[in-house]
Amino acid sequence: MGINPNMAEIASLLGETSRATMLASMMDGRFHTASELAYMVAIKPQTASFHLAKLVEGKLVKVEKQGRHRYFQLAGEEIAQLLESFLAISPPPEVRSLKQSSQMKLLQDARTCYDHLAGKLGVQLTESLLNAGFLTLEEKQFLITAEGAQFFTDFGLDLDDLKRKRRSFSHACLDWSERRYHLAGALGQGMLTHFLSLGWVTRVPSIRAIKVTEKGRAGFKEVFKFEV
């Protein structure tokens, strides 16, 4: 028996299609009921509950109880990073309907990766910050420059508050659809939250896609110098 961590246990959890699909659905960072996840995956609620129990036991998913209801969420940002890495090396799904094609396009354009922006929009935003000299990339970590600190503060972010969070501050996350890095961590989460509060982006129901509003199109062009 080896002394290394049991990767096979995690691989077996990810190796079942329904469980893998539920995990991908939870990459929107929100809590979901078993019934909601069952609908997303097109399986019976009892089957979804069985799979969710396995995922909770394997510490990939956490559960919170509110009265008679139970809500499920990814266990943390590191799990989302793991899943995004798997997606980056996975073959693309076979698209069998116009609905699937439309949803895939939405996800590739803009989506959440747990609690930060991903897809083409996330990568465009990150490259805009790099090109402007507000961020630098060193060993898969984004570092804020002096000019960047002033920019983020002027834009409305509280950097000190974000740095106090017990998590990575600004690491680079490999985007599965763009195959380039996007901004993750507390800074990435702070940016997405601010975009939502400004009304620049909205969430798409049922999938983890993000839609840019007309106000957002104007804002990204004016502030970040790129067109959506």
Protein backbone atom coordinates (compact mmCIF):
# COMPACT_ATOMS: atom_id res chain seq x y z
CA MET A 1 0.00 0.00 0.00
CA GLY A 2 1.40 3.40 -0.97
CA ILE A 3 1.69 6.35 1.38
CA ASN A 4 0.41 8.92 -1.15
CA PRO A 5 -3.07 10.49 -0.89
CA ASN A 6 -5.82 8.32 -2.34
CA MET A 7 -6.38 10.00 -5.72
CA ALA A 8 -8.42 7.02 -6.89
CA GLU A 9 -11.16 7.90 -4.41
CA ILE A 10 -11.56 11.39 -5.86
CA ALA A 11 -11.24 10.06 -9.41
CA SER A 12 -14.07 7.59 -8.76
CA LEU A 13 -16.33 10.44 -7.59
CA LEU A 14 -15.59 12.44 -10.71
CA GLY A 15 -15.82 9.40 -12.97
CA GLU A 16 -19.60 9.08 -12.72
CA THR A 17 -21.40 11.22 -15.32
CA SER A 18 -24.26 12.46 -13.13
CA ARG A 19 -21.92 13.43 -10.29
CA ALA A 20 -19.54 15.20 -12.66
CA THR A 21 -22.42 17.12 -14.22
CA MET A 22 -23.76 18.18 -10.83
CA LEU A 23 -20.32 19.39 -9.80
CA ALA A 24 -20.03 21.42 -13.00
CA SER A 25 -23.48 22.91 -12.34
CA MET A 26 -22.37 23.99 -8.85
CA MET A 27 -19.45 25.93 -10.30
CA ASP A 28 -21.75 28.96 -10.31
CA GLY A 29 -20.81 29.27 -6.61
CA ARG A 30 -24.41 29.22 -5.41
CA PHE A 31 -26.34 26.83 -3.17
CA HIS A 32 -28.71 24.37 -4.87
CA THR A 33 -31.31 21.92 -3.62
CA ALA A 34 -31.15 18.27 -4.60
CA SER A 35 -34.29 18.77 -6.71
CA GLU A 36 -32.71 21.64 -8.63
CA LEU A 37 -29.59 19.62 -9.34
CA ALA A 38 -31.67 16.59 -10.33
CA TYR A 39 -33.51 18.75 -12.88
CA MET A 40 -30.23 20.12 -14.27
CA VAL A 41 -28.80 16.63 -14.69
CA ALA A 42 -32.11 15.03 -15.79
CA ILE A 43 -32.15 12.34 -13.10
CA LYS A 44 -34.61 11.43 -10.34
CA PRO A 45 -34.36 13.40 -7.05
CA GLN A 46 -33.66 10.19 -5.12
CA THR A 47 -30.75 9.45 -7.45
CA ALA A 48 -29.44 12.98 -7.05
CA SER A 49 -29.61 12.65 -3.25
CA PHE A 50 -27.58 9.43 -3.43
CA HIS A 51 -24.87 11.07 -5.53
CA LEU A 52 -24.82 14.21 -3.37
CA ALA A 53 -24.30 12.09 -0.25
CA LYS A 54 -21.24 10.57 -1.93
CA LEU A 55 -19.90 14.02 -2.87
CA VAL A 56 -20.41 15.36 0.66
CA GLU A 57 -18.69 12.28 2.10
CA GLY A 58 -15.79 12.87 -0.30
CA LYS A 59 -15.59 16.51 0.82
CA LEU A 60 -16.14 17.86 -2.68
CA VAL A 61 -19.50 19.36 -1.69
CA LYS A 62 -20.80 20.89 1.52
CA VAL A 63 -24.39 20.96 2.73
CA GLU A 64 -26.31 23.48 4.84
CA LYS A 65 -29.67 22.83 6.46
CA GLN A 66 -32.40 25.47 6.67
CA GLY A 67 -35.46 24.03 8.35
CA ARG A 68 -36.57 21.00 6.37
CA HIS A 69 -34.48 21.96 3.36
CA ARG A 70 -30.89 21.11 2.51
CA TYR A 71 -28.73 23.20 0.21
CA PHE A 72 -25.59 21.99 -1.55
CA GLN A 73 -22.54 23.97 -2.68
CA LEU A 74 -18.97 23.19 -3.78
CA ALA A 75 -16.80 22.71 -0.72
CA GLY A 76 -14.54 25.61 -1.63
CA GLU A 77 -12.61 27.54 -4.23
CA GLU A 78 -9.91 24.87 -4.44
CA ILE A 79 -12.54 22.35 -5.60
CA ALA A 80 -13.63 24.77 -8.33
CA GLN A 81 -9.98 25.09 -9.43
CA LEU A 82 -9.70 21.31 -9.59
CA LEU A 83 -12.84 21.05 -11.71
CA GLU A 84 -11.76 23.86 -14.03
CA SER A 85 -8.46 22.03 -14.56
CA PHE A 86 -10.32 18.83 -15.45
CA LEU A 87 -12.54 20.74 -17.87
CA ALA A 88 -9.46 22.23 -19.56
CA ILE A 89 -8.17 18.77 -20.51
CA SER A 90 -11.56 17.16 -21.22
CA PRO A 91 -12.87 16.61 -24.76
CA PRO A 92 -15.68 18.96 -25.80
CA PRO A 93 -19.22 17.61 -25.35
CA GLU A 94 -21.21 16.40 -28.31
CA VAL A 95 -23.82 19.04 -29.09
CA ARG A 96 -27.09 17.38 -30.06
CA SER A 97 -29.60 20.23 -30.08
CA LEU A 98 -29.98 23.92 -30.78
CA LYS A 99 -30.57 24.50 -27.04
CA GLN A 100 -27.28 22.80 -26.16
CA SER A 101 -25.48 24.84 -28.82
CA SER A 102 -26.94 28.10 -27.47
CA GLN A 103 -26.03 27.23 -23.87
CA MET A 104 -22.49 26.27 -24.85
CA LYS A 105 -22.05 29.60 -26.64
CA LEU A 106 -23.29 31.48 -23.55
CA LEU A 107 -20.88 29.58 -21.29
CA GLN A 108 -17.93 30.17 -23.59
CA ASP A 109 -18.71 33.90 -23.84
CA ALA A 110 -19.05 34.57 -20.12
CA ARG A 111 -19.67 32.42 -17.05
CA THR A 112 -18.83 32.09 -13.39
CA CYS A 113 -15.99 29.86 -12.24
CA TYR A 114 -17.20 29.41 -8.66
CA ASP A 115 -17.27 33.12 -7.69
CA HIS A 116 -15.29 34.93 -10.37
CA LEU A 117 -15.61 35.66 -14.08
CA ALA A 118 -14.49 33.12 -16.66
CA GLY A 119 -14.91 32.49 -20.36
CA LYS A 120 -14.02 35.01 -23.05
CA LEU A 121 -15.16 37.91 -20.86
CA GLY A 122 -13.01 36.82 -17.90
CA VAL A 123 -9.95 36.42 -20.08
CA GLN A 124 -10.55 39.76 -21.86
CA LEU A 125 -10.85 41.50 -18.50
CA THR A 126 -7.66 39.90 -17.19
CA GLU A 127 -5.65 40.74 -20.31
CA SER A 128 -6.96 44.32 -20.19
CA LEU A 129 -5.65 44.68 -16.62
CA LEU A 130 -2.30 43.20 -17.63
CA ASN A 131 -1.96 45.40 -20.72
CA ALA A 132 -2.80 48.51 -18.69
CA GLY A 133 -0.05 47.67 -16.20
CA PHE A 134 -2.49 47.23 -13.31
CA LEU A 135 -1.52 43.58 -12.85
CA THR A 136 1.59 41.50 -13.49
CA LEU A 137 1.74 37.70 -13.69
CA GLU A 138 4.39 35.85 -11.71
CA GLU A 139 4.31 32.07 -11.19
CA LYS A 140 0.54 31.75 -11.61
CA GLN A 141 -0.12 34.67 -9.28
CA PHE A 142 -1.38 38.07 -10.35
CA LEU A 143 0.31 40.93 -8.50
CA ILE A 144 -1.22 44.40 -8.24
CA THR A 145 1.06 47.26 -9.25
CA ALA A 146 0.98 50.67 -7.58
CA GLU A 147 -1.02 52.00 -10.52
CA GLY A 148 -3.32 49.00 -10.23
CA ALA A 149 -3.98 49.59 -6.54
CA GLN A 150 -5.09 53.13 -7.35
CA PHE A 151 -7.22 51.90 -10.27
CA PHE A 152 -9.06 49.25 -8.25
CA THR A 153 -9.66 51.70 -5.41
CA ASP A 154 -11.00 54.36 -7.78
CA PHE A 155 -13.21 51.71 -9.41
CA GLY A 156 -14.84 51.05 -6.05
CA LEU A 157 -13.08 47.99 -4.59
CA ASP A 158 -11.91 47.81 -0.98
CA LEU A 159 -8.57 46.03 -1.43
CA ASP A 160 -7.81 45.89 2.29
CA ASP A 161 -11.11 44.13 2.94
CA LEU A 162 -10.48 41.66 0.09
CA LYS A 163 -6.98 40.91 1.41
CA ARG A 164 -8.41 40.05 4.82
CA LYS A 165 -10.40 37.16 3.40
CA ARG A 166 -9.01 33.75 4.33
CA ARG A 167 -8.29 32.64 0.77
CA SER A 168 -6.01 33.22 -2.19
CA PHE A 169 -6.05 36.88 -3.16
CA SER A 170 -5.36 36.95 -6.92
CA HIS A 171 -4.21 33.67 -8.42
CA ALA A 172 -4.29 32.72 -12.10
CA CYS A 173 -6.95 30.17 -13.06
CA LEU A 174 -6.64 28.30 -16.37
CA ASP A 175 -9.80 28.89 -18.38
CA TRP A 176 -11.13 25.63 -19.89
CA SER A 177 -12.70 27.20 -22.96
CA GLU A 178 -10.15 29.93 -23.72
CA ARG A 179 -7.05 27.95 -22.64
CA ARG A 180 -5.65 31.13 -21.10
CA TYR A 181 -5.56 32.47 -17.57
CA HIS A 182 -8.30 34.51 -15.94
CA LEU A 183 -8.25 36.35 -12.62
CA ALA A 184 -9.48 34.33 -9.64
CA GLY A 185 -9.25 34.58 -5.85
CA ALA A 186 -10.68 37.29 -3.62
CA LEU A 187 -9.88 39.99 -6.17
CA GLY A 188 -11.70 38.09 -8.93
CA GLN A 189 -14.68 37.58 -6.64
CA GLY A 190 -14.67 41.27 -5.71
CA MET A 191 -14.68 42.28 -9.36
CA LEU A 192 -17.64 40.02 -10.23
CA THR A 193 -19.62 41.20 -7.21
CA HIS A 194 -18.98 44.83 -8.19
CA PHE A 195 -20.01 44.21 -11.82
CA LEU A 196 -23.27 42.67 -10.58
CA SER A 197 -23.95 45.60 -8.25
CA LEU A 198 -23.26 48.08 -11.06
CA GLY A 199 -25.70 46.26 -13.33
CA TRP A 200 -22.99 45.56 -15.89
CA VAL A 201 -23.71 41.82 -15.86
CA THR A 202 -26.57 39.54 -14.83
CA ARG A 203 -26.78 35.83 -14.14
CA VAL A 204 -28.49 33.51 -16.61
CA PRO A 205 -31.03 31.23 -14.84
CA SER A 206 -30.38 27.47 -14.66
CA ILE A 207 -26.80 27.60 -16.04
CA ARG A 208 -23.71 29.41 -14.80
CA ALA A 209 -23.55 31.76 -17.75
CA ILE A 210 -23.24 35.52 -17.31
CA LYS A 211 -24.88 38.02 -19.64
CA VAL A 212 -23.44 41.49 -20.24
CA THR A 213 -26.02 44.29 -20.21
CA GLU A 214 -26.00 47.33 -22.47
CA LYS A 215 -24.74 49.33 -19.50
CA GLY A 216 -21.98 46.78 -19.11
CA ARG A 217 -20.97 46.93 -22.75
CA ALA A 218 -20.49 50.67 -22.41
CA GLY A 219 -18.69 50.28 -19.09
CA PHE A 220 -16.21 47.65 -20.25
CA LYS A 221 -15.42 49.76 -23.31
CA GLU A 222 -14.93 52.97 -21.33
CA VAL A 223 -13.13 51.64 -18.25
CA PHE A 224 -11.34 48.51 -19.49
CA LYS A 225 -10.87 49.46 -23.17
CA PHE A 226 -12.35 46.40 -24.83
CA GLU A 227 -15.63 45.63 -26.57
CA VAL A 228 -17.91 42.77 -25.58
